[in-house]
């Protein structure tokens, strides 16, 4: 038995910000690995988060993180300190 977290197609759709039909289309095209359980599909979390990103999407995420750190770096550092009280 595996300890990996499984997601439903509805959960994957919400996570990716797409419709369930789009999730089914990605499963059919092989873009998302899924396991058929009865009449339903389940998807391992690791197969959805991060692994299906292409190079451009990874660059976009990296750029967004860099902008966030540049703009909110001090706030993020303060939030990361457990000894600070707000």
PDB file of N, CA and C in Angstrom:
ATOM      1  N   UNK A   1       0.840  -1.191   0.000  1.00  0.00           N
ATOM      2  CA  UNK A   1       0.000   0.000   0.000  1.00  0.00           C
ATOM      3  C   UNK A   1       0.879   1.246   0.000  1.00  0.00           C
ATOM      4  N   UNK A   2       0.508   2.240  -0.740  1.00  0.00           N
ATOM      5  CA  UNK A   2       1.284   3.468  -0.848  1.00  0.00           C
ATOM      6  C   UNK A   2       0.794   4.510   0.149  1.00  0.00           C
ATOM      7  N   UNK A   3       1.691   5.357   0.600  1.00  0.00           N
ATOM      8  CA  UNK A   3       1.340   6.428   1.519  1.00  0.00           C
ATOM      9  C   UNK A   3       1.128   7.751   0.801  1.00  0.00           C
ATOM     10  N   UNK A   4       1.093   7.739  -0.512  1.00  0.00           N
ATOM     11  CA  UNK A   4       0.934   8.964  -1.270  1.00  0.00           C
ATOM     12  C   UNK A   4      -0.499   9.453  -1.184  1.00  0.00           C
ATOM     13  N   UNK A   5      -0.635  10.767  -1.181  1.00  0.00           N
ATOM     14  CA  UNK A   5      -1.962  11.366  -1.128  1.00  0.00           C
ATOM     15  C   UNK A   5      -2.591  11.330  -2.516  1.00  0.00           C
ATOM     16  N   UNK A   6      -3.829  10.921  -2.563  1.00  0.00           N
ATOM     17  CA  UNK A   6      -4.555  10.845  -3.825  1.00  0.00           C
ATOM     18  C   UNK A   6      -5.584  11.964  -3.892  1.00  0.00           C
ATOM     19  N   UNK A   7      -5.759  12.493  -5.090  1.00  0.00           N
ATOM     20  CA  UNK A   7      -6.714  13.566  -5.319  1.00  0.00           C
ATOM     21  C   UNK A   7      -7.772  13.114  -6.314  1.00  0.00           C
ATOM     22  N   UNK A   8      -8.973  13.627  -6.154  1.00  0.00           N
ATOM     23  CA  UNK A   8     -10.034  13.363  -7.125  1.00  0.00           C
ATOM     24  C   UNK A   8      -9.869  14.320  -8.303  1.00  0.00           C
ATOM     25  N   UNK A   9     -10.577  14.053  -9.366  1.00  0.00           N
ATOM     26  CA  UNK A   9     -10.519  14.946 -10.527  1.00  0.00           C
ATOM     27  C   UNK A   9     -11.058  16.330 -10.169  1.00  0.00           C
ATOM     28  N   UNK A  10     -12.032  16.391  -9.290  1.00  0.00           N
ATOM     29  CA  UNK A  10     -12.574  17.674  -8.843  1.00  0.00           C
ATOM     30  C   UNK A  10     -11.514  18.470  -8.086  1.00  0.00           C
ATOM     31  N   UNK A  11     -10.771  17.792  -7.207  1.00  0.00           N
ATOM     32  CA  UNK A  11      -9.710  18.458  -6.456  1.00  0.00           C
ATOM     33  C   UNK A  11      -8.599  18.943  -7.377  1.00  0.00           C
ATOM     34  N   UNK A  12      -8.235  18.133  -8.355  1.00  0.00           N
ATOM     35  CA  UNK A  12      -7.185  18.522  -9.302  1.00  0.00           C
ATOM     36  C   UNK A  12      -7.647  19.726 -10.122  1.00  0.00           C
ATOM     37  N   UNK A  13      -8.899  19.710 -10.541  1.00  0.00           N
ATOM     38  CA  UNK A  13      -9.431  20.837 -11.307  1.00  0.00           C
ATOM     39  C   UNK A  13      -9.342  22.129 -10.496  1.00  0.00           C
ATOM     40  N   UNK A  14      -9.722  22.071  -9.234  1.00  0.00           N
ATOM     41  CA  UNK A  14      -9.659  23.259  -8.375  1.00  0.00           C
ATOM     42  C   UNK A  14      -8.208  23.695  -8.165  1.00  0.00           C
ATOM     43  N   UNK A  15      -7.329  22.739  -7.959  1.00  0.00           N
ATOM     44  CA  UNK A  15      -5.921  23.032  -7.727  1.00  0.00           C
ATOM     45  C   UNK A  15      -5.280  23.703  -8.933  1.00  0.00           C
ATOM     46  N   UNK A  16      -5.610  23.232 -10.118  1.00  0.00           N
ATOM     47  CA  UNK A  16      -5.023  23.764 -11.345  1.00  0.00           C
ATOM     48  C   UNK A  16      -5.793  24.947 -11.919  1.00  0.00           C
ATOM     49  N   UNK A  17      -6.987  25.202 -11.374  1.00  0.00           N
ATOM     50  CA  UNK A  17      -7.797  26.306 -11.872  1.00  0.00           C
ATOM     51  C   UNK A  17      -8.391  26.026 -13.238  1.00  0.00           C
ATOM     52  N   UNK A  18      -8.729  24.761 -13.486  1.00  0.00           N
ATOM     53  CA  UNK A  18      -9.333  24.372 -14.761  1.00  0.00           C
ATOM     54  C   UNK A  18     -10.602  23.568 -14.465  1.00  0.00           C
ATOM     55  N   UNK A  19     -11.365  23.263 -15.495  1.00  0.00           N
ATOM     56  CA  UNK A  19     -12.593  22.495 -15.310  1.00  0.00           C
ATOM     57  C   UNK A  19     -12.293  20.999 -15.180  1.00  0.00           C
ATOM     58  N   UNK A  20     -13.272  20.254 -14.680  1.00  0.00           N
ATOM     59  CA  UNK A  20     -13.113  18.798 -14.597  1.00  0.00           C
ATOM     60  C   UNK A  20     -12.966  18.204 -15.989  1.00  0.00           C
ATOM     61  N   UNK A  21     -13.670  18.761 -16.957  1.00  0.00           N
ATOM     62  CA  UNK A  21     -13.573  18.273 -18.337  1.00  0.00           C
ATOM     63  C   UNK A  21     -12.133  18.444 -18.836  1.00  0.00           C
ATOM     64  N   UNK A  22     -11.512  19.567 -18.497  1.00  0.00           N
ATOM     65  CA  UNK A  22     -10.121  19.798 -18.901  1.00  0.00           C
ATOM     66  C   UNK A  22      -9.195  18.782 -18.233  1.00  0.00           C
ATOM     67  N   UNK A  23      -9.496  18.432 -16.980  1.00  0.00           N
ATOM     68  CA  UNK A  23      -8.697  17.408 -16.289  1.00  0.00           C
ATOM     69  C   UNK A  23      -8.830  16.075 -17.024  1.00  0.00           C
ATOM     70  N   UNK A  24     -10.058  15.690 -17.370  1.00  0.00           N
ATOM     71  CA  UNK A  24     -10.273  14.439 -18.104  1.00  0.00           C
ATOM     72  C   UNK A  24      -9.541  14.462 -19.446  1.00  0.00           C
ATOM     73  N   UNK A  25      -9.564  15.614 -20.123  1.00  0.00           N
ATOM     74  CA  UNK A  25      -8.852  15.729 -21.398  1.00  0.00           C
ATOM     75  C   UNK A  25      -7.348  15.554 -21.207  1.00  0.00           C
ATOM     76  N   UNK A  26      -6.798  16.139 -20.134  1.00  0.00           N
ATOM     77  CA  UNK A  26      -5.369  15.984 -19.853  1.00  0.00           C
ATOM     78  C   UNK A  26      -5.030  14.540 -19.502  1.00  0.00           C
ATOM     79  N   UNK A  27      -5.933  13.862 -18.802  1.00  0.00           N
ATOM     80  CA  UNK A  27      -5.723  12.436 -18.498  1.00  0.00           C
ATOM     81  C   UNK A  27      -5.708  11.637 -19.796  1.00  0.00           C
ATOM     82  N   UNK A  28      -6.680  11.915 -20.658  1.00  0.00           N
ATOM     83  CA  UNK A  28      -6.787  11.199 -21.929  1.00  0.00           C
ATOM     84  C   UNK A  28      -5.551  11.412 -22.809  1.00  0.00           C
ATOM     85  N   UNK A  29      -5.001  12.641 -22.795  1.00  0.00           N
ATOM     86  CA  UNK A  29      -3.807  12.959 -23.590  1.00  0.00           C
ATOM     87  C   UNK A  29      -2.525  12.447 -22.940  1.00  0.00           C
ATOM     88  N   UNK A  30      -2.614  12.001 -21.691  1.00  0.00           N
ATOM     89  CA  UNK A  30      -1.427  11.526 -20.991  1.00  0.00           C
ATOM     90  C   UNK A  30      -0.645  12.631 -20.298  1.00  0.00           C
ATOM     91  N   UNK A  31      -1.215  13.823 -20.226  1.00  0.00           N
ATOM     92  CA  UNK A  31      -0.545  14.951 -19.585  1.00  0.00           C
ATOM     93  C   UNK A  31      -0.614  14.850 -18.060  1.00  0.00           C
ATOM     94  N   UNK A  32      -1.626  14.145 -17.573  1.00  0.00           N
ATOM     95  CA  UNK A  32      -1.770  13.882 -16.142  1.00  0.00           C
ATOM     96  C   UNK A  32      -1.901  12.376 -15.978  1.00  0.00           C
ATOM     97  N   UNK A  33      -1.034  11.800 -15.133  1.00  0.00           N
ATOM     98  CA  UNK A  33      -1.140  10.370 -14.851  1.00  0.00           C
ATOM     99  C   UNK A  33      -2.269  10.158 -13.858  1.00  0.00           C
ATOM    100  N   UNK A  34      -3.128   9.198 -14.149  1.00  0.00           N
ATOM    101  CA  UNK A  34      -4.258   8.917 -13.270  1.00  0.00           C
ATOM    102  C   UNK A  34      -4.445   7.415 -13.146  1.00  0.00           C
ATOM    103  N   UNK A  35      -5.065   7.042 -12.044  1.00  0.00           N
ATOM    104  CA  UNK A  35      -5.361   5.641 -11.771  1.00  0.00           C
ATOM    105  C   UNK A  35      -6.878   5.504 -11.754  1.00  0.00           C
ATOM    106  N   UNK A  36      -7.380   4.552 -12.535  1.00  0.00           N
ATOM    107  CA  UNK A  36      -8.817   4.344 -12.570  1.00  0.00           C
ATOM    108  C   UNK A  36      -9.221   3.460 -11.390  1.00  0.00           C
ATOM    109  N   UNK A  37     -10.156   3.961 -10.596  1.00  0.00           N
ATOM    110  CA  UNK A  37     -10.683   3.229  -9.453  1.00  0.00           C
ATOM    111  C   UNK A  37     -12.187   3.144  -9.660  1.00  0.00           C
ATOM    112  N   UNK A  38     -12.641   1.986 -10.074  1.00  0.00           N
ATOM    113  CA  UNK A  38     -14.066   1.858 -10.412  1.00  0.00           C
ATOM    114  C   UNK A  38     -14.370   2.717 -11.619  1.00  0.00           C
ATOM    115  N   UNK A  39     -15.336   3.602 -11.464  1.00  0.00           N
ATOM    116  CA  UNK A  39     -15.706   4.513 -12.553  1.00  0.00           C
ATOM    117  C   UNK A  39     -14.960   5.840 -12.465  1.00  0.00           C
ATOM    118  N   UNK A  40     -14.183   6.034 -11.422  1.00  0.00           N
ATOM    119  CA  UNK A  40     -13.526   7.312 -11.173  1.00  0.00           C
ATOM    120  C   UNK A  40     -12.022   7.225 -11.382  1.00  0.00           C
ATOM    121  N   UNK A  41     -11.402   8.393 -11.492  1.00  0.00           N
ATOM    122  CA  UNK A  41      -9.953   8.494 -11.564  1.00  0.00           C
ATOM    123  C   UNK A  41      -9.440   9.148 -10.290  1.00  0.00           C
ATOM    124  N   UNK A  42      -8.260   8.722  -9.857  1.00  0.00           N
ATOM    125  CA  UNK A  42      -7.552   9.409  -8.784  1.00  0.00           C
ATOM    126  C   UNK A  42      -6.163   9.750  -9.296  1.00  0.00           C
ATOM    127  N   UNK A  43      -5.622  10.842  -8.780  1.00  0.00           N
ATOM    128  CA  UNK A  43      -4.334  11.342  -9.234  1.00  0.00           C
ATOM    129  C   UNK A  43      -3.457  11.548  -8.011  1.00  0.00           C
ATOM    130  N   UNK A  44      -2.223  11.057  -8.075  1.00  0.00           N
ATOM    131  CA  UNK A  44      -1.294  11.275  -6.975  1.00  0.00           C
ATOM    132  C   UNK A  44      -0.886  12.745  -6.948  1.00  0.00           C
ATOM    133  N   UNK A  45      -0.813  13.305  -5.758  1.00  0.00           N
ATOM    134  CA  UNK A  45      -0.468  14.714  -5.591  1.00  0.00           C
ATOM    135  C   UNK A  45       0.829  15.056  -6.300  1.00  0.00           C
ATOM    136  N   UNK A  46       1.835  14.203  -6.171  1.00  0.00           N
ATOM    137  CA  UNK A  46       3.142  14.463  -6.795  1.00  0.00           C
ATOM    138  C   UNK A  46       3.059  14.559  -8.317  1.00  0.00           C
ATOM    139  N   UNK A  47       2.064  13.911  -8.913  1.00  0.00           N
ATOM    140  CA  UNK A  47       1.915  13.945 -10.363  1.00  0.00           C
ATOM    141  C   UNK A  47       1.299  15.247 -10.844  1.00  0.00           C
ATOM    142  N   UNK A  48       0.737  16.028  -9.933  1.00  0.00           N
ATOM    143  CA  UNK A  48       0.074  17.274 -10.313  1.00  0.00           C
ATOM    144  C   UNK A  48       0.906  18.486  -9.928  1.00  0.00           C
ATOM    145  N   UNK A  49       1.499  18.440  -8.768  1.00  0.00           N
ATOM    146  CA  UNK A  49       2.207  19.603  -8.248  1.00  0.00           C
ATOM    147  C   UNK A  49       3.667  19.576  -8.689  1.00  0.00           C
ATOM    148  N   UNK A  50       4.023  20.504  -9.539  1.00  0.00           N
ATOM    149  CA  UNK A  50       5.429  20.682  -9.907  1.00  0.00           C
ATOM    150  C   UNK A  50       5.935  19.826 -11.037  1.00  0.00           C
ATOM    151  N   UNK A  51       5.548  18.583 -11.112  1.00  0.00           N
ATOM    152  CA  UNK A  51       6.138  17.700 -12.104  1.00  0.00           C
ATOM    153  C   UNK A  51       5.592  17.937 -13.510  1.00  0.00           C
ATOM    154  N   UNK A  52       4.407  18.518 -13.623  1.00  0.00           N
ATOM    155  CA  UNK A  52       3.823  18.733 -14.935  1.00  0.00           C
ATOM    156  C   UNK A  52       4.079  20.135 -15.472  1.00  0.00           C
ATOM    157  N   UNK A  53       4.976  20.868 -14.835  1.00  0.00           N
ATOM    158  CA  UNK A  53       5.279  22.211 -15.291  1.00  0.00           C
ATOM    159  C   UNK A  53       6.309  22.160 -16.413  1.00  0.00           C
ATOM    160  N   UNK A  54       6.065  22.962 -17.441  1.00  0.00           N
ATOM    161  CA  UNK A  54       7.072  23.055 -18.496  1.00  0.00           C
ATOM    162  C   UNK A  54       8.082  24.131 -18.102  1.00  0.00           C
ATOM    163  N   UNK A  55       9.126  24.290 -18.890  1.00  0.00           N
ATOM    164  CA  UNK A  55      10.196  25.230 -18.554  1.00  0.00           C
ATOM    165  C   UNK A  55       9.692  26.659 -18.426  1.00  0.00           C
ATOM    166  N   UNK A  56       8.793  27.067 -19.304  1.00  0.00           N
ATOM    167  CA  UNK A  56       8.265  28.442 -19.249  1.00  0.00           C
ATOM    168  C   UNK A  56       7.482  28.673 -17.961  1.00  0.00           C
ATOM    169  N   UNK A  57       6.658  27.698 -17.563  1.00  0.00           N
ATOM    170  CA  UNK A  57       5.896  27.825 -16.328  1.00  0.00           C
ATOM    171  C   UNK A  57       6.825  27.889 -15.118  1.00  0.00           C
ATOM    172  N   UNK A  58       7.892  27.087 -15.129  1.00  0.00           N
ATOM    173  CA  UNK A  58       8.864  27.130 -14.037  1.00  0.00           C
ATOM    174  C   UNK A  58       9.549  28.488 -13.970  1.00  0.00           C
ATOM    175  N   UNK A  59       9.905  29.055 -15.140  1.00  0.00           N
ATOM    176  CA  UNK A  59      10.521  30.388 -15.165  1.00  0.00           C
ATOM    177  C   UNK A  59       9.553  31.444 -14.639  1.00  0.00           C
ATOM    178  N   UNK A  60       8.284  31.341 -15.032  1.00  0.00           N
ATOM    179  CA  UNK A  60       7.272  32.294 -14.567  1.00  0.00           C
ATOM    180  C   UNK A  60       7.112  32.231 -13.053  1.00  0.00           C
ATOM    181  N   UNK A  61       7.094  31.037 -12.512  1.00  0.00           N
ATOM    182  CA  UNK A  61       6.983  30.879 -11.062  1.00  0.00           C
ATOM    183  C   UNK A  61       8.218  31.449 -10.381  1.00  0.00           C
ATOM    184  N   UNK A  62       9.390  31.157 -10.915  1.00  0.00           N
ATOM    185  CA  UNK A  62      10.631  31.693 -10.362  1.00  0.00           C
ATOM    186  C   UNK A  62      10.645  33.215 -10.374  1.00  0.00           C
ATOM    187  N   UNK A  63      10.189  33.803 -11.476  1.00  0.00           N
ATOM    188  CA  UNK A  63      10.143  35.262 -11.578  1.00  0.00           C
ATOM    189  C   UNK A  63       9.151  35.844 -10.571  1.00  0.00           C
ATOM    190  N   UNK A  64       8.019  35.177 -10.386  1.00  0.00           N
ATOM    191  CA  UNK A  64       7.025  35.651  -9.416  1.00  0.00           C
ATOM    192  C   UNK A  64       7.577  35.583  -7.995  1.00  0.00           C
ATOM    193  N   UNK A  65       8.298  34.520  -7.692  1.00  0.00           N
ATOM    194  CA  UNK A  65       8.919  34.392  -6.363  1.00  0.00           C
ATOM    195  C   UNK A  65       9.962  35.490  -6.176  1.00  0.00           C
ATOM    196  N   UNK A  66      10.781  35.728  -7.187  1.00  0.00           N
ATOM    197  CA  UNK A  66      11.802  36.772  -7.098  1.00  0.00           C
ATOM    198  C   UNK A  66      11.174  38.147  -6.867  1.00  0.00           C
ATOM    199  N   UNK A  67      10.096  38.462  -7.594  1.00  0.00           N
ATOM    200  CA  UNK A  67       9.406  39.745  -7.413  1.00  0.00           C
ATOM    201  C   UNK A  67       8.825  39.867  -6.011  1.00  0.00           C
ATOM    202  N   UNK A  68       8.238  38.770  -5.523  1.00  0.00           N
ATOM    203  CA  UNK A  68       7.649  38.772  -4.186  1.00  0.00           C
ATOM    204  C   UNK A  68       8.710  39.006  -3.124  1.00  0.00           C
ATOM    205  N   UNK A  69       9.828  38.312  -3.245  1.00  0.00           N
ATOM    206  CA  UNK A  69      10.916  38.469  -2.269  1.00  0.00           C
ATOM    207  C   UNK A  69      11.483  39.883  -2.335  1.00  0.00           C
ATOM    208  N   UNK A  70      11.642  40.414  -3.553  1.00  0.00           N
ATOM    209  CA  UNK A  70      12.179  41.768  -3.703  1.00  0.00           C
ATOM    210  C   UNK A  70      11.240  42.801  -3.077  1.00  0.00           C
ATOM    211  N   UNK A  71       9.958  42.625  -3.263  1.00  0.00           N
ATOM    212  CA  UNK A  71       8.988  43.604  -2.780  1.00  0.00           C
ATOM    213  C   UNK A  71       8.627  43.419  -1.309  1.00  0.00           C
ATOM    214  N   UNK A  72       8.547  42.170  -0.851  1.00  0.00           N
ATOM    215  CA  UNK A  72       8.064  41.896   0.498  1.00  0.00           C
ATOM    216  C   UNK A  72       9.079  41.139   1.351  1.00  0.00           C
ATOM    217  N   UNK A  73      10.344  41.182   0.966  1.00  0.00           N
ATOM    218  CA  UNK A  73      11.374  40.415   1.652  1.00  0.00           C
ATOM    219  C   UNK A  73      11.421  40.632   3.149  1.00  0.00           C
ATOM    220  N   UNK A  74      11.389  41.894   3.583  1.00  0.00           N
ATOM    221  CA  UNK A  74      11.462  42.193   5.019  1.00  0.00           C
ATOM    222  C   UNK A  74      10.239  41.645   5.752  1.00  0.00           C
ATOM    223  N   UNK A  75       9.082  41.792   5.171  1.00  0.00           N
ATOM    224  CA  UNK A  75       7.856  41.262   5.787  1.00  0.00           C
ATOM    225  C   UNK A  75       7.939  39.743   5.878  1.00  0.00           C
ATOM    226  N   UNK A  76       8.408  39.099   4.829  1.00  0.00           N
ATOM    227  CA  UNK A  76       8.538  37.644   4.845  1.00  0.00           C
ATOM    228  C   UNK A  76       9.528  37.186   5.915  1.00  0.00           C
ATOM    229  N   UNK A  77      10.625  37.930   6.067  1.00  0.00           N
ATOM    230  CA  UNK A  77      11.598  37.586   7.114  1.00  0.00           C
ATOM    231  C   UNK A  77      10.967  37.705   8.498  1.00  0.00           C
ATOM    232  N   UNK A  78      10.203  38.770   8.707  1.00  0.00           N
ATOM    233  CA  UNK A  78       9.539  38.948  10.008  1.00  0.00           C
ATOM    234  C   UNK A  78       8.516  37.842  10.262  1.00  0.00           C
ATOM    235  N   UNK A  79       7.788  37.477   9.231  1.00  0.00           N
ATOM    236  CA  UNK A  79       6.799  36.403   9.381  1.00  0.00           C
ATOM    237  C   UNK A  79       7.467  35.074   9.677  1.00  0.00           C
ATOM    238  N   UNK A  80       8.676  34.896   9.190  1.00  0.00           N
ATOM    239  CA  UNK A  80       9.400  33.657   9.389  1.00  0.00           C
ATOM    240  C   UNK A  80      10.018  33.508  10.772  1.00  0.00           C
ATOM    241  N   UNK A  81      10.102  34.601  11.506  1.00  0.00           N
ATOM    242  CA  UNK A  81      10.685  34.553  12.848  1.00  0.00           C
ATOM    243  C   UNK A  81       9.628  34.136  13.849  1.00  0.00           C
ATOM    244  N   UNK A  82       9.921  33.114  14.611  1.00  0.00           N
ATOM    245  CA  UNK A  82       8.939  32.629  15.587  1.00  0.00           C
ATOM    246  C   UNK A  82       8.925  33.459  16.861  1.00  0.00           C
ATOM    247  N   UNK A  83       9.990  34.258  17.093  1.00  0.00           N
ATOM    248  CA  UNK A  83      10.057  35.014  18.340  1.00  0.00           C
ATOM    249  C   UNK A  83       9.395  36.375  18.256  1.00  0.00           C
ATOM    250  N   UNK A  84       9.020  36.825  17.040  1.00  0.00           N
ATOM    251  CA  UNK A  84       8.349  38.108  16.892  1.00  0.00           C
ATOM    252  C   UNK A  84       6.885  37.999  17.249  1.00  0.00           C
ATOM    253  N   UNK A  85       6.358  39.000  17.925  1.00  0.00           N
ATOM    254  CA  UNK A  85       4.940  39.059  18.278  1.00  0.00           C
ATOM    255  C   UNK A  85       4.296  40.185  17.477  1.00  0.00           C
ATOM    256  N   UNK A  86       3.109  39.936  17.001  1.00  0.00           N
ATOM    257  CA  UNK A  86       2.388  40.957  16.228  1.00  0.00           C
ATOM    258  C   UNK A  86       1.113  41.315  16.905  1.00  0.00           C
TER     259      UNK A  86
END
